[in-house]
């Protein structure tokens, strides 16, 4: 039980309206005796693909494994390079490296997504793919990225871990690139009760390779076509996810209402997230840009508001990335933003009274420092 008056998230409140349906779904799987790659997984894959309007989807044990296996199935040469953003969760880059390729970073703009205008300068003869990250639930500039990739003959694999339901001009993320990976971690808008993920694609051959590789390379119980991993989506998680899929759009609507209310109340105090024409932001995290960020975060926490930072250290500055050779100032906007970003509580079940407390405390913090 959280001790915060406004916790960062509140699973109990979010789950209460579907509690009975979740329990019934759990009991159905329990009684079926079918726990691996069963009918619930197949049904969820079909429903997820239909939601995105893509032809193929396969369930994964988590979003990181979805990325890792997708990159491995591209059959990359040892010197292959893959372009992505440096301000994401570490898995956006670690999965590239673990597949034997080199992550190549491009700076981001104030929307927290990759700066499309800088991508072309990072392309070399070794570049094989572009991996835009739809950070915090805001879609990257996919029409421009797709046009750039087509000009250079590059694959686009969307890291849509944080952005299920986001769209541009009505086309959902995951349906723009050649393939996409989603996380269904508990902090995501559509989440499992544990880890889970999804891989989607328009390429039937790539889907087949990924589906084989996630299941030991087994074509059937007795025939292993290639060395693989055990990265399957559990039948139980798929069943519980199917219950939540029925509420996803409703939850997204509520997230957007609360986010827009924050924007109205906070616009004069901090930098608030925006949407460009045609964009549909799903606010997996509500990220503001704040002066004196660390002091503000501590002030909020001291007064009962659980504010977080995603992510304080860019990937290129992590010890694991040292061999990539990037200087700390290589991506100035990423570096600047990393010192200002802060995630405020936002979830279905957050009350306007709780929001008002957050806003009031932020106003108090800055007022006290201007006296």
Foldseek 3Di string as FASTA:
>chain_A
DDPFPAELDDVCLVCVVCVVVLVVLLVVCVVVVDKFPDDLQVVLQVVLCVLQVADGKAKWQFLLLLLLLLLLLVVADLAAEEEEAFQAPLSVQVSNVVSNYHYDYAFPDPLPKHDLVGVVVRDDPRYAEYEIECPQQWDDPLVSVVVVCVVVVHFYEYACQAHVPKDFLPRGPQRRTQKYKYWQDPLHLQHFPHTMIMIGGNDPVSSVSSVCQCCQCDPDPPDRPDGHHPTHHISSRSSSSVSCVVCSVVFQVQLVVLLVVLCVLCVVQWAWNDHDPRIRGSRSWGKTFHDVAVVLCVLCVVNRFHKAARPLDTNCPDPVNVVVPDDPCNHVVSNNRSVGIMTGRTGPVDDVVNVVVSSVSSVVVVVVVVD
